[in-house]
Amino acid sequence: MLIGFSLFVAVGFLIAFLWSVKSGQYSDTYTPSVRILFEDKKSTKEKETTKEIELKEKKLDN
């Protein structure tokens, strides 16, 4: 019974893999390799937080 269930799960994963390859999930091989080179744009909240930290550091230095 356990062998039958494991074969069922394995076939399910095989079908999911073949479906993802057929639908083009793995067609872009260039973008993931260069994504790390580009810096993400910071949101306004992140910019404000960075400014607050810099101001606190300047106050501590004085």
Protein backbone atom coordinates (compact mmCIF):
# COMPACT_ATOMS: atom_id res chain seq x y z
CA MET A 1 0.00 0.00 0.00
CA LEU A 2 2.82 2.41 0.86
CA ILE A 3 4.64 1.59 -2.38
CA GLY A 4 1.48 2.29 -4.36
CA PHE A 5 1.00 5.64 -2.64
CA SER A 6 4.64 6.63 -3.25
CA LEU A 7 4.31 5.72 -6.94
CA PHE A 8 1.14 7.81 -7.12
CA VAL A 9 2.97 10.82 -5.61
CA ALA A 10 5.95 10.32 -7.94
CA VAL A 11 3.69 10.22 -11.01
CA GLY A 12 1.97 13.38 -9.74
CA PHE A 13 5.28 15.20 -9.49
CA LEU A 14 6.29 13.98 -12.94
CA ILE A 15 3.05 15.27 -14.44
CA ALA A 16 3.49 18.64 -12.67
CA PHE A 17 7.06 18.92 -13.96
CA LEU A 18 6.11 18.05 -17.54
CA TRP A 19 3.22 20.53 -17.41
CA SER A 20 5.51 23.32 -16.17
CA VAL A 21 8.07 22.63 -18.91
CA LYS A 22 5.36 22.58 -21.57
CA SER A 23 3.85 25.87 -20.32
CA GLY A 24 7.21 27.66 -20.57
CA GLN A 25 8.11 27.91 -16.89
CA TYR A 26 11.77 27.17 -17.62
CA SER A 27 12.11 29.05 -20.91
CA ASP A 28 13.83 32.14 -19.45
CA THR A 29 17.36 31.09 -18.56
CA TYR A 30 18.99 34.54 -18.79
CA THR A 31 17.04 36.76 -16.36
CA PRO A 32 17.67 34.82 -13.11
CA SER A 33 21.41 34.95 -13.64
CA VAL A 34 21.53 38.76 -13.94
CA ARG A 35 18.73 39.68 -11.53
CA ILE A 36 21.20 39.96 -8.66
CA LEU A 37 23.15 42.62 -10.55
CA PHE A 38 20.28 45.12 -10.58
CA GLU A 39 19.40 47.05 -7.45
CA ASP A 40 15.78 47.07 -6.38
CA LYS A 41 14.04 50.41 -6.17
CA LYS A 42 13.46 51.43 -2.56
CA SER A 43 9.98 52.34 -1.47
CA THR A 44 9.33 55.72 0.12
CA LYS A 45 8.92 54.07 3.51
CA GLU A 46 12.38 52.49 3.24
CA LYS A 47 13.87 55.85 2.22
CA GLU A 48 12.27 57.58 5.22
CA THR A 49 13.54 54.89 7.58
CA THR A 50 17.05 55.24 6.17
CA LYS A 51 16.94 59.01 6.65
CA GLU A 52 15.73 58.61 10.25
CA ILE A 53 18.60 56.23 11.02
CA GLU A 54 21.13 58.64 9.49
CA LEU A 55 19.73 61.52 11.56
CA LYS A 56 19.94 59.47 14.77
CA GLU A 57 23.55 58.54 13.98
CA LYS A 58 24.45 62.21 13.41
CA LYS A 59 22.87 63.17 16.75
CA LEU A 60 24.87 60.47 18.52
CA ASP A 61 28.10 61.66 16.89
CA ASN A 62 27.57 65.23 18.12
